[in-house]
Amino acid sequence: MNPSNPLTLAQAGAILAAAVAAARADGLPPVAVAVLDASGHTVALQREDGATPLRVDIAIGKAYAAAGMGVASRVLHQRAQDNPVFFNALASSSQGKFIPQAGAVAIRAADGTLLGAVGASGGTGAQDEAICAAGVNAAGLVAA
């Protein structure tokens, strides 16, 4: 993380609002959306009414994986299939916080600096990823 260019609470709030709006527009079940900074710390979190309890942990885990590796969790899911021993070690070394499942994107500044990641849980992995990307784009940042 670049301390001179951190992900702000205002940016995280904009990402959440746009991601949840995209979920409603797409008719998804109730979702949880988590925005983490580049160090993997939660900046903002929202769980819609009716979202099941595990949605929060799953959204955070997807975002943690994307922030930790700097790429969309969809990419990590494929890499995990190709190298399961390494990805099991990542999950273990992160005390189970690392979830390489589709549904999160890395958040980058226009210059490519990794700012964090956003993860969602409620729809399919592709649907969750799409609402995350919509949130990042609406905040004027780059989804990667």
C-alpha atoms as a PDB file:
ATOM      1  CA  MET A   1       0.000   0.000   0.000  1.00  0.00           C
ATOM      2  CA  ASN A   2       1.163   3.501  -0.747  1.00  0.00           C
ATOM      3  CA  PRO A   3       0.536   5.545   2.432  1.00  0.00           C
ATOM      4  CA  SER A   4       0.426   8.743   0.380  1.00  0.00           C
ATOM      5  CA  ASN A   5      -2.395   7.308  -1.736  1.00  0.00           C
ATOM      6  CA  PRO A   6      -4.649   5.296   0.622  1.00  0.00           C
ATOM      7  CA  LEU A   7      -8.156   4.140  -0.079  1.00  0.00           C
ATOM      8  CA  THR A   8     -10.408   6.664   1.663  1.00  0.00           C
ATOM      9  CA  LEU A   9     -13.578   6.019   3.615  1.00  0.00           C
ATOM     10  CA  ALA A  10     -15.439   8.230   1.135  1.00  0.00           C
ATOM     11  CA  GLN A  11     -14.228   6.087  -1.775  1.00  0.00           C
ATOM     12  CA  ALA A  12     -15.146   2.896   0.087  1.00  0.00           C
ATOM     13  CA  GLY A  13     -18.613   4.279   0.797  1.00  0.00           C
ATOM     14  CA  ALA A  14     -19.112   5.146  -2.859  1.00  0.00           C
ATOM     15  CA  ILE A  15     -18.032   1.635  -3.861  1.00  0.00           C
ATOM     16  CA  LEU A  16     -20.489   0.076  -1.395  1.00  0.00           C
ATOM     17  CA  ALA A  17     -23.392   2.250  -2.496  1.00  0.00           C
ATOM     18  CA  ALA A  18     -22.850   1.553  -6.187  1.00  0.00           C
ATOM     19  CA  ALA A  19     -22.256  -2.180  -5.673  1.00  0.00           C
ATOM     20  CA  VAL A  20     -25.457  -2.589  -3.649  1.00  0.00           C
ATOM     21  CA  ALA A  21     -27.370  -0.502  -6.216  1.00  0.00           C
ATOM     22  CA  ALA A  22     -26.058  -2.789  -8.965  1.00  0.00           C
ATOM     23  CA  ALA A  23     -27.150  -5.847  -6.965  1.00  0.00           C
ATOM     24  CA  ARG A  24     -30.661  -4.401  -6.619  1.00  0.00           C
ATOM     25  CA  ALA A  25     -30.787  -3.475 -10.332  1.00  0.00           C
ATOM     26  CA  ASP A  26     -29.764  -7.042 -11.218  1.00  0.00           C
ATOM     27  CA  GLY A  27     -32.321  -8.574  -8.855  1.00  0.00           C
ATOM     28  CA  LEU A  28     -29.743 -10.481  -6.811  1.00  0.00           C
ATOM     29  CA  PRO A  29     -30.583 -11.977  -3.441  1.00  0.00           C
ATOM     30  CA  PRO A  30     -29.524  -9.838  -0.446  1.00  0.00           C
ATOM     31  CA  VAL A  31     -25.766  -9.307  -0.553  1.00  0.00           C
ATOM     32  CA  ALA A  32     -22.873  -8.417   1.687  1.00  0.00           C
ATOM     33  CA  VAL A  33     -20.130  -6.208   0.265  1.00  0.00           C
ATOM     34  CA  ALA A  34     -16.758  -5.615   1.908  1.00  0.00           C
ATOM     35  CA  VAL A  35     -14.138  -3.026   0.960  1.00  0.00           C
ATOM     36  CA  LEU A  36     -10.599  -3.644   2.232  1.00  0.00           C
ATOM     37  CA  ASP A  37      -7.473  -1.530   1.964  1.00  0.00           C
ATOM     38  CA  ALA A  38      -4.271  -2.839   0.396  1.00  0.00           C
ATOM     39  CA  SER A  39      -3.178  -4.229   3.775  1.00  0.00           C
ATOM     40  CA  GLY A  40      -6.315  -6.346   4.011  1.00  0.00           C
ATOM     41  CA  HIS A  41      -8.036  -4.259   6.681  1.00  0.00           C
ATOM     42  CA  THR A  42     -11.762  -3.608   6.395  1.00  0.00           C
ATOM     43  CA  VAL A  43     -12.530  -0.006   5.453  1.00  0.00           C
ATOM     44  CA  ALA A  44     -16.284  -0.407   4.936  1.00  0.00           C
ATOM     45  CA  LEU A  45     -18.811  -3.218   5.055  1.00  0.00           C
ATOM     46  CA  GLN A  46     -22.498  -3.519   4.315  1.00  0.00           C
ATOM     47  CA  ARG A  47     -24.842  -6.457   4.790  1.00  0.00           C
ATOM     48  CA  GLU A  48     -28.290  -6.048   3.293  1.00  0.00           C
ATOM     49  CA  ASP A  49     -31.386  -6.988   5.247  1.00  0.00           C
ATOM     50  CA  GLY A  50     -32.011 -10.679   4.746  1.00  0.00           C
ATOM     51  CA  ALA A  51     -28.442 -11.585   3.791  1.00  0.00           C
ATOM     52  CA  THR A  52     -27.384 -14.782   5.509  1.00  0.00           C
ATOM     53  CA  PRO A  53     -24.725 -14.577   8.248  1.00  0.00           C
ATOM     54  CA  LEU A  54     -21.923 -16.197   6.236  1.00  0.00           C
ATOM     55  CA  ARG A  55     -22.240 -13.620   3.458  1.00  0.00           C
ATOM     56  CA  VAL A  56     -20.092 -11.145   5.414  1.00  0.00           C
ATOM     57  CA  ASP A  57     -17.263 -13.595   6.058  1.00  0.00           C
ATOM     58  CA  ILE A  58     -17.312 -14.792   2.455  1.00  0.00           C
ATOM     59  CA  ALA A  59     -17.266 -11.238   1.046  1.00  0.00           C
ATOM     60  CA  ILE A  60     -14.342 -10.334   3.312  1.00  0.00           C
ATOM     61  CA  GLY A  61     -12.474 -13.530   2.398  1.00  0.00           C
ATOM     62  CA  LYS A  62     -12.867 -12.940  -1.333  1.00  0.00           C
ATOM     63  CA  ALA A  63     -11.713  -9.322  -0.941  1.00  0.00           C
ATOM     64  CA  TYR A  64      -8.795 -10.399   1.282  1.00  0.00           C
ATOM     65  CA  ALA A  65      -7.600 -12.799  -1.415  1.00  0.00           C
ATOM     66  CA  ALA A  66      -7.913 -10.159  -4.156  1.00  0.00           C
ATOM     67  CA  ALA A  67      -6.107  -7.524  -2.053  1.00  0.00           C
ATOM     68  CA  GLY A  68      -3.393  -9.969  -1.040  1.00  0.00           C
ATOM     69  CA  MET A  69      -2.601 -11.001  -4.591  1.00  0.00           C
ATOM     70  CA  GLY A  70      -3.601  -7.791  -6.415  1.00  0.00           C
ATOM     71  CA  VAL A  71      -5.946  -9.461  -8.909  1.00  0.00           C
ATOM     72  CA  ALA A  72      -9.603 -10.409  -9.220  1.00  0.00           C
ATOM     73  CA  SER A  73     -10.540 -13.453  -7.183  1.00  0.00           C
ATOM     74  CA  ARG A  74     -11.798 -15.102 -10.400  1.00  0.00           C
ATOM     75  CA  VAL A  75      -8.139 -15.265 -11.494  1.00  0.00           C
ATOM     76  CA  LEU A  76      -7.175 -16.706  -8.122  1.00  0.00           C
ATOM     77  CA  HIS A  77      -9.881 -19.363  -8.391  1.00  0.00           C
ATOM     78  CA  GLN A  78      -8.324 -20.601 -11.632  1.00  0.00           C
ATOM     79  CA  ARG A  79      -4.821 -20.462 -10.166  1.00  0.00           C
ATOM     80  CA  ALA A  80      -6.036 -22.436  -7.138  1.00  0.00           C
ATOM     81  CA  GLN A  81      -7.310 -25.188  -9.421  1.00  0.00           C
ATOM     82  CA  ASP A  82      -3.911 -25.343 -11.096  1.00  0.00           C
ATOM     83  CA  ASN A  83      -1.895 -25.230  -7.839  1.00  0.00           C
ATOM     84  CA  PRO A  84      -4.063 -26.468  -4.936  1.00  0.00           C
ATOM     85  CA  VAL A  85      -1.208 -27.138  -2.513  1.00  0.00           C
ATOM     86  CA  PHE A  86      -0.006 -23.527  -2.658  1.00  0.00           C
ATOM     87  CA  PHE A  87      -3.515 -22.110  -2.295  1.00  0.00           C
ATOM     88  CA  ASN A  88      -4.293 -24.404   0.633  1.00  0.00           C
ATOM     89  CA  ALA A  89      -1.131 -23.043   2.262  1.00  0.00           C
ATOM     90  CA  LEU A  90      -2.324 -19.461   1.619  1.00  0.00           C
ATOM     91  CA  ALA A  91      -5.668 -20.215   3.250  1.00  0.00           C
ATOM     92  CA  SER A  92      -3.924 -21.800   6.222  1.00  0.00           C
ATOM     93  CA  SER A  93      -1.319 -19.064   6.660  1.00  0.00           C
ATOM     94  CA  SER A  94      -4.043 -16.394   6.601  1.00  0.00           C
ATOM     95  CA  GLN A  95      -6.017 -18.188   9.327  1.00  0.00           C
ATOM     96  CA  GLY A  96      -8.722 -19.024   6.789  1.00  0.00           C
ATOM     97  CA  LYS A  97      -9.305 -15.427   5.632  1.00  0.00           C
ATOM     98  CA  PHE A  98      -8.053 -16.084   2.065  1.00  0.00           C
ATOM     99  CA  ILE A  99     -10.952 -17.298  -0.138  1.00  0.00           C
ATOM    100  CA  PRO A 100      -9.915 -17.693  -3.808  1.00  0.00           C
ATOM    101  CA  GLN A 101     -13.451 -17.764  -5.184  1.00  0.00           C
ATOM    102  CA  ALA A 102     -14.886 -15.544  -7.916  1.00  0.00           C
ATOM    103  CA  GLY A 103     -16.644 -12.472  -6.569  1.00  0.00           C
ATOM    104  CA  ALA A 104     -14.029  -9.826  -5.776  1.00  0.00           C
ATOM    105  CA  VAL A 105     -11.858  -7.354  -7.665  1.00  0.00           C
ATOM    106  CA  ALA A 106      -8.714  -5.471  -6.800  1.00  0.00           C
ATOM    107  CA  ILE A 107      -9.095  -1.691  -6.540  1.00  0.00           C
ATOM    108  CA  ARG A 108      -6.411   0.334  -8.295  1.00  0.00           C
ATOM    109  CA  ALA A 109      -5.776   4.034  -8.734  1.00  0.00           C
ATOM    110  CA  ALA A 110      -5.511   5.400 -12.280  1.00  0.00           C
ATOM    111  CA  ASP A 111      -1.714   5.048 -12.074  1.00  0.00           C
ATOM    112  CA  GLY A 112      -2.036   1.340 -11.255  1.00  0.00           C
ATOM    113  CA  THR A 113      -1.315   1.610  -7.532  1.00  0.00           C
ATOM    114  CA  LEU A 114      -3.085  -1.121  -5.566  1.00  0.00           C
ATOM    115  CA  LEU A 115      -5.486   0.553  -3.132  1.00  0.00           C
ATOM    116  CA  GLY A 116      -7.352  -2.522  -1.884  1.00  0.00           C
ATOM    117  CA  ALA A 117     -10.138  -4.823  -2.975  1.00  0.00           C
ATOM    118  CA  VAL A 118     -13.886  -5.235  -2.790  1.00  0.00           C
ATOM    119  CA  GLY A 119     -15.688  -8.552  -2.412  1.00  0.00           C
ATOM    120  CA  ALA A 120     -19.338  -9.497  -2.473  1.00  0.00           C
ATOM    121  CA  SER A 121     -21.418 -12.516  -1.593  1.00  0.00           C
ATOM    122  CA  GLY A 122     -25.025 -13.179  -2.484  1.00  0.00           C
ATOM    123  CA  GLY A 123     -25.155 -14.016  -6.171  1.00  0.00           C
ATOM    124  CA  THR A 124     -23.035 -16.265  -8.326  1.00  0.00           C
ATOM    125  CA  GLY A 125     -19.316 -15.546  -8.422  1.00  0.00           C
ATOM    126  CA  ALA A 126     -19.717 -13.765 -11.763  1.00  0.00           C
ATOM    127  CA  GLN A 127     -22.622 -11.681 -10.457  1.00  0.00           C
ATOM    128  CA  ASP A 128     -20.725 -10.778  -7.298  1.00  0.00           C
ATOM    129  CA  GLU A 129     -17.688  -9.758  -9.339  1.00  0.00           C
ATOM    130  CA  ALA A 130     -19.838  -7.637 -11.664  1.00  0.00           C
ATOM    131  CA  ILE A 131     -21.372  -5.637  -8.808  1.00  0.00           C
ATOM    132  CA  CYS A 132     -17.921  -5.146  -7.271  1.00  0.00           C
ATOM    133  CA  ALA A 133     -16.552  -3.847 -10.557  1.00  0.00           C
ATOM    134  CA  ALA A 134     -19.577  -1.553 -10.927  1.00  0.00           C
ATOM    135  CA  GLY A 135     -18.868  -0.142  -7.475  1.00  0.00           C
ATOM    136  CA  VAL A 136     -15.193   0.485  -8.188  1.00  0.00           C
ATOM    137  CA  ASN A 137     -15.907   2.096 -11.555  1.00  0.00           C
ATOM    138  CA  ALA A 138     -18.623   4.323 -10.068  1.00  0.00           C
ATOM    139  CA  ALA A 139     -16.096   5.574  -7.513  1.00  0.00           C
ATOM    140  CA  GLY A 140     -13.781   6.651 -10.319  1.00  0.00           C
ATOM    141  CA  LEU A 141     -11.228   3.932  -9.618  1.00  0.00           C
ATOM    142  CA  VAL A 142     -10.014   0.939 -11.653  1.00  0.00           C
ATOM    143  CA  ALA A 143     -11.320  -2.596 -11.106  1.00  0.00           C
ATOM    144  CA  ALA A 144      -8.634  -5.192 -11.764  1.00  0.00           C
END
